[in-house]
């Protein structure tokens, strides 16, 4: 339990920022046979809720109408840690550094034209920040040709693992191994772990936190 506590994101503001930065989330609904259906979706987080747009027909919409209990998950893999970082033979020691947010909540198909327009504009602002389009207004006919799903969280929990679960020396060793492995994500991961690189030398800039 102590380790799990150290992995938990306790700041609602930081979870909101993470949701704003990520582009793909996964909504889980319950189908007619009681099985979970998980679908990747673009989304926007606004006013404490998750908004997604959809075609006007589809299984996930039928699922929500029948059972509004839904799940929603967003994750970011920072770095895969190969097992040989710890042991050249024991594959069970492979691990991953990550950030994630998991929501349990209620799914609703938005009916109000004003809320639908605001949600769709929010999605455009997130995914096309450079503009180049006409913002939607509640009176536009296109509003009727799309569904907007809103997920209102009942619970929202965040977890992260960026080296805060080990001591400073082990974290520095891990950061050096990541850099030496030379993946495309290595520099960003080491920065997220609280290090900067100066002249090839690792410098601990701050304690990693979320």
Protein backbone atom coordinates (compact mmCIF):
# COMPACT_ATOMS: atom_id res chain seq x y z
CA UNK A 1 0.00 0.00 0.00
CA UNK A 2 2.86 2.39 0.73
CA UNK A 3 4.31 1.90 -2.76
CA UNK A 4 0.92 2.45 -4.38
CA UNK A 5 0.57 5.70 -2.43
CA UNK A 6 3.89 6.92 -3.80
CA UNK A 7 2.66 6.23 -7.33
CA UNK A 8 -0.57 8.20 -6.96
CA UNK A 9 -1.12 11.62 -8.56
CA UNK A 10 -2.76 13.59 -5.77
CA UNK A 11 -3.17 16.91 -7.59
CA UNK A 12 -6.42 17.42 -9.53
CA UNK A 13 -4.74 20.29 -11.37
CA UNK A 14 -1.93 18.04 -12.59
CA UNK A 15 -4.38 15.37 -13.73
CA UNK A 16 -6.31 18.03 -15.65
CA UNK A 17 -3.10 19.26 -17.29
CA UNK A 18 -2.19 15.71 -18.27
CA UNK A 19 -5.64 15.20 -19.84
CA UNK A 20 -5.24 18.46 -21.76
CA UNK A 21 -1.90 17.30 -23.17
CA UNK A 22 -2.92 13.82 -24.31
CA UNK A 23 -4.71 13.19 -27.60
CA UNK A 24 -6.16 9.68 -27.26
CA UNK A 25 -8.30 8.23 -24.49
CA UNK A 26 -10.28 5.00 -24.25
CA UNK A 27 -13.93 4.82 -23.30
CA UNK A 28 -15.30 1.58 -21.89
CA UNK A 29 -19.03 0.84 -22.12
CA UNK A 30 -21.01 -2.32 -21.33
CA UNK A 31 -22.60 -4.09 -24.30
CA UNK A 32 -25.93 -5.90 -24.44
CA UNK A 33 -24.30 -9.18 -23.35
CA UNK A 34 -22.55 -7.61 -20.37
CA UNK A 35 -19.09 -7.45 -21.94
CA UNK A 36 -16.93 -4.32 -21.80
CA UNK A 37 -16.39 -2.55 -25.11
CA UNK A 38 -13.29 -0.34 -25.24
CA UNK A 39 -12.80 2.22 -28.01
CA UNK A 40 -10.02 4.80 -28.51
CA UNK A 41 -11.36 8.32 -28.87
CA UNK A 42 -10.26 11.92 -29.29
CA UNK A 43 -11.47 13.91 -26.30
CA UNK A 44 -11.44 17.22 -24.49
CA UNK A 45 -11.52 17.80 -20.73
CA UNK A 46 -13.64 20.79 -19.78
CA UNK A 47 -15.60 21.90 -16.74
CA UNK A 48 -14.68 18.69 -14.94
CA UNK A 49 -16.05 16.37 -17.64
CA UNK A 50 -14.73 14.43 -20.62
CA UNK A 51 -16.28 15.30 -24.00
CA UNK A 52 -16.07 13.20 -27.18
CA UNK A 53 -17.80 13.42 -30.55
CA UNK A 54 -19.28 10.49 -32.40
CA UNK A 55 -21.33 9.45 -35.42
CA UNK A 56 -25.04 9.44 -34.61
CA UNK A 57 -25.22 5.63 -34.74
CA UNK A 58 -23.00 3.09 -33.06
CA UNK A 59 -22.74 0.36 -30.46
CA UNK A 60 -21.12 2.58 -27.83
CA UNK A 61 -24.08 4.98 -28.06
CA UNK A 62 -26.55 2.12 -27.66
CA UNK A 63 -24.52 0.89 -24.69
CA UNK A 64 -24.64 4.28 -22.97
CA UNK A 65 -28.38 4.62 -23.53
CA UNK A 66 -28.90 1.21 -21.95
CA UNK A 67 -26.30 1.50 -19.17
CA UNK A 68 -24.70 4.88 -18.42
CA UNK A 69 -21.92 3.41 -16.27
CA UNK A 70 -18.67 3.95 -18.18
CA UNK A 71 -14.94 3.97 -17.74
CA UNK A 72 -12.39 6.27 -19.38
CA UNK A 73 -8.61 5.88 -19.41
CA UNK A 74 -5.66 7.90 -20.70
CA UNK A 75 -2.03 6.85 -20.47
CA UNK A 76 1.39 7.93 -21.61
CA UNK A 77 4.25 5.45 -21.85
CA UNK A 78 7.44 7.32 -21.06
CA UNK A 79 10.00 4.54 -21.35
CA UNK A 80 10.19 0.76 -21.48
CA UNK A 81 12.86 -0.49 -19.09
CA UNK A 82 14.50 -3.66 -20.44
CA UNK A 83 15.07 -6.46 -17.95
CA UNK A 84 18.85 -6.34 -18.41
CA UNK A 85 18.93 -2.99 -16.61
CA UNK A 86 18.60 -5.13 -13.46
CA UNK A 87 19.63 -8.65 -14.47
CA UNK A 88 21.01 -10.06 -17.76
CA UNK A 89 18.88 -13.22 -17.47
CA UNK A 90 15.68 -12.47 -15.55
CA UNK A 91 13.03 -11.22 -18.02
CA UNK A 92 10.52 -10.69 -15.20
CA UNK A 93 12.37 -7.51 -14.21
CA UNK A 94 11.30 -5.59 -17.33
CA UNK A 95 9.24 -2.53 -16.39
CA UNK A 96 7.73 0.68 -17.77
CA UNK A 97 7.77 4.32 -16.71
CA UNK A 98 4.35 5.88 -17.32
CA UNK A 99 1.63 8.35 -16.40
CA UNK A 100 -2.08 7.44 -16.42
CA UNK A 101 -5.51 8.67 -15.39
CA UNK A 102 -8.47 6.31 -14.92
CA UNK A 103 -12.04 7.55 -14.58
CA UNK A 104 -15.20 5.77 -13.50
CA UNK A 105 -18.32 7.76 -14.24
CA UNK A 106 -21.62 8.34 -15.96
CA UNK A 107 -21.96 8.64 -19.72
CA UNK A 108 -24.54 10.99 -21.24
CA UNK A 109 -25.44 11.86 -24.83
CA UNK A 110 -25.57 15.64 -24.78
CA UNK A 111 -28.90 17.04 -25.96
CA UNK A 112 -28.50 20.79 -25.51
CA UNK A 113 -27.29 22.52 -28.66
CA UNK A 114 -25.29 25.09 -26.72
CA UNK A 115 -23.36 22.44 -24.79
CA UNK A 116 -22.82 20.40 -27.96
CA UNK A 117 -21.42 23.42 -29.81
CA UNK A 118 -19.16 24.33 -26.87
CA UNK A 119 -17.85 20.76 -26.66
CA UNK A 120 -17.16 20.54 -30.40
CA UNK A 121 -15.40 23.91 -30.34
CA UNK A 122 -13.34 22.68 -27.41
CA UNK A 123 -12.27 19.65 -29.39
CA UNK A 124 -11.27 21.81 -32.36
CA UNK A 125 -9.30 24.18 -30.13
CA UNK A 126 -7.39 21.24 -28.68
CA UNK A 127 -6.62 19.41 -31.91
CA UNK A 128 -6.40 22.35 -34.34
CA UNK A 129 -5.02 25.22 -32.22
CA UNK A 130 -3.78 27.04 -35.33
CA UNK A 131 -7.41 27.79 -36.30
CA UNK A 132 -8.43 27.80 -39.96
CA UNK A 133 -12.08 27.01 -39.35
CA UNK A 134 -15.34 28.72 -38.46
CA UNK A 135 -16.35 28.09 -34.82
CA UNK A 136 -19.62 26.23 -34.41
CA UNK A 137 -22.72 28.03 -33.18
CA UNK A 138 -25.73 26.33 -31.54
CA UNK A 139 -27.97 27.20 -34.49
CA UNK A 140 -25.85 25.48 -37.15
CA UNK A 141 -27.40 22.43 -38.80
CA UNK A 142 -24.22 20.39 -38.46
CA UNK A 143 -24.92 20.13 -34.72
CA UNK A 144 -27.73 17.70 -35.55
CA UNK A 145 -25.44 15.38 -37.51
CA UNK A 146 -23.08 14.47 -34.68
CA UNK A 147 -23.46 13.06 -31.18
CA UNK A 148 -21.48 14.41 -28.25
CA UNK A 149 -20.71 12.07 -25.35
CA UNK A 150 -20.08 13.56 -21.92
CA UNK A 151 -18.47 11.51 -19.15
CA UNK A 152 -19.03 12.93 -15.68
CA UNK A 153 -16.47 11.40 -13.30
CA UNK A 154 -17.58 9.72 -10.11
CA UNK A 155 -13.96 8.90 -9.38
CA UNK A 156 -10.76 9.98 -11.11
CA UNK A 157 -7.42 8.51 -10.10
CA UNK A 158 -4.00 9.20 -11.51
CA UNK A 159 -0.83 7.12 -11.27
CA UNK A 160 2.71 7.81 -12.34
CA UNK A 161 5.99 5.97 -12.23
CA UNK A 162 8.96 8.11 -13.19
CA UNK A 163 11.59 6.94 -10.73
CA UNK A 164 10.10 8.42 -7.56
CA UNK A 165 9.68 4.87 -6.18
CA UNK A 166 13.46 4.39 -5.76
CA UNK A 167 16.22 6.29 -3.97
CA UNK A 168 18.28 9.07 -5.55
CA UNK A 169 21.28 6.90 -6.39
CA UNK A 170 19.15 4.22 -8.03
CA UNK A 171 17.18 6.88 -9.91
CA UNK A 172 20.39 8.43 -11.23
CA UNK A 173 21.65 5.00 -12.31
CA UNK A 174 18.35 4.31 -14.06
CA UNK A 175 18.44 7.68 -15.82
CA UNK A 176 21.97 6.98 -17.07
CA UNK A 177 20.91 3.54 -18.37
CA UNK A 178 17.99 5.13 -20.22
CA UNK A 179 20.26 7.72 -21.83
CA UNK A 180 22.85 5.11 -22.78
CA UNK A 181 20.15 2.95 -24.39
CA UNK A 182 19.51 5.92 -26.68
CA UNK A 183 15.82 5.65 -27.53
CA UNK A 184 14.05 8.57 -29.19
CA UNK A 185 12.22 9.26 -25.92
CA UNK A 186 15.23 8.99 -23.60
CA UNK A 187 15.96 12.71 -23.18
CA UNK A 188 12.34 13.57 -22.37
CA UNK A 189 12.07 10.69 -19.93
CA UNK A 190 15.20 11.71 -18.05
CA UNK A 191 13.90 15.27 -17.82
CA UNK A 192 10.58 13.97 -16.44
CA UNK A 193 12.59 12.03 -13.85
CA UNK A 194 14.01 15.32 -12.58
CA UNK A 195 17.40 15.41 -14.33
CA UNK A 196 19.13 17.70 -16.75
CA UNK A 197 22.16 16.75 -18.84
CA UNK A 198 25.12 19.13 -18.71
CA UNK A 199 28.20 18.22 -20.69
CA UNK A 200 27.17 14.60 -20.76
CA UNK A 201 26.75 14.60 -16.97
CA UNK A 202 23.45 14.01 -15.21
CA UNK A 203 22.40 16.76 -12.84
CA UNK A 204 19.41 16.30 -10.55
CA UNK A 205 17.33 19.41 -11.14
CA UNK A 206 14.39 18.53 -8.86
CA UNK A 207 12.51 15.69 -7.26
CA UNK A 208 10.15 14.05 -9.77
CA UNK A 209 6.54 14.77 -8.90
CA UNK A 210 3.08 14.88 -10.36
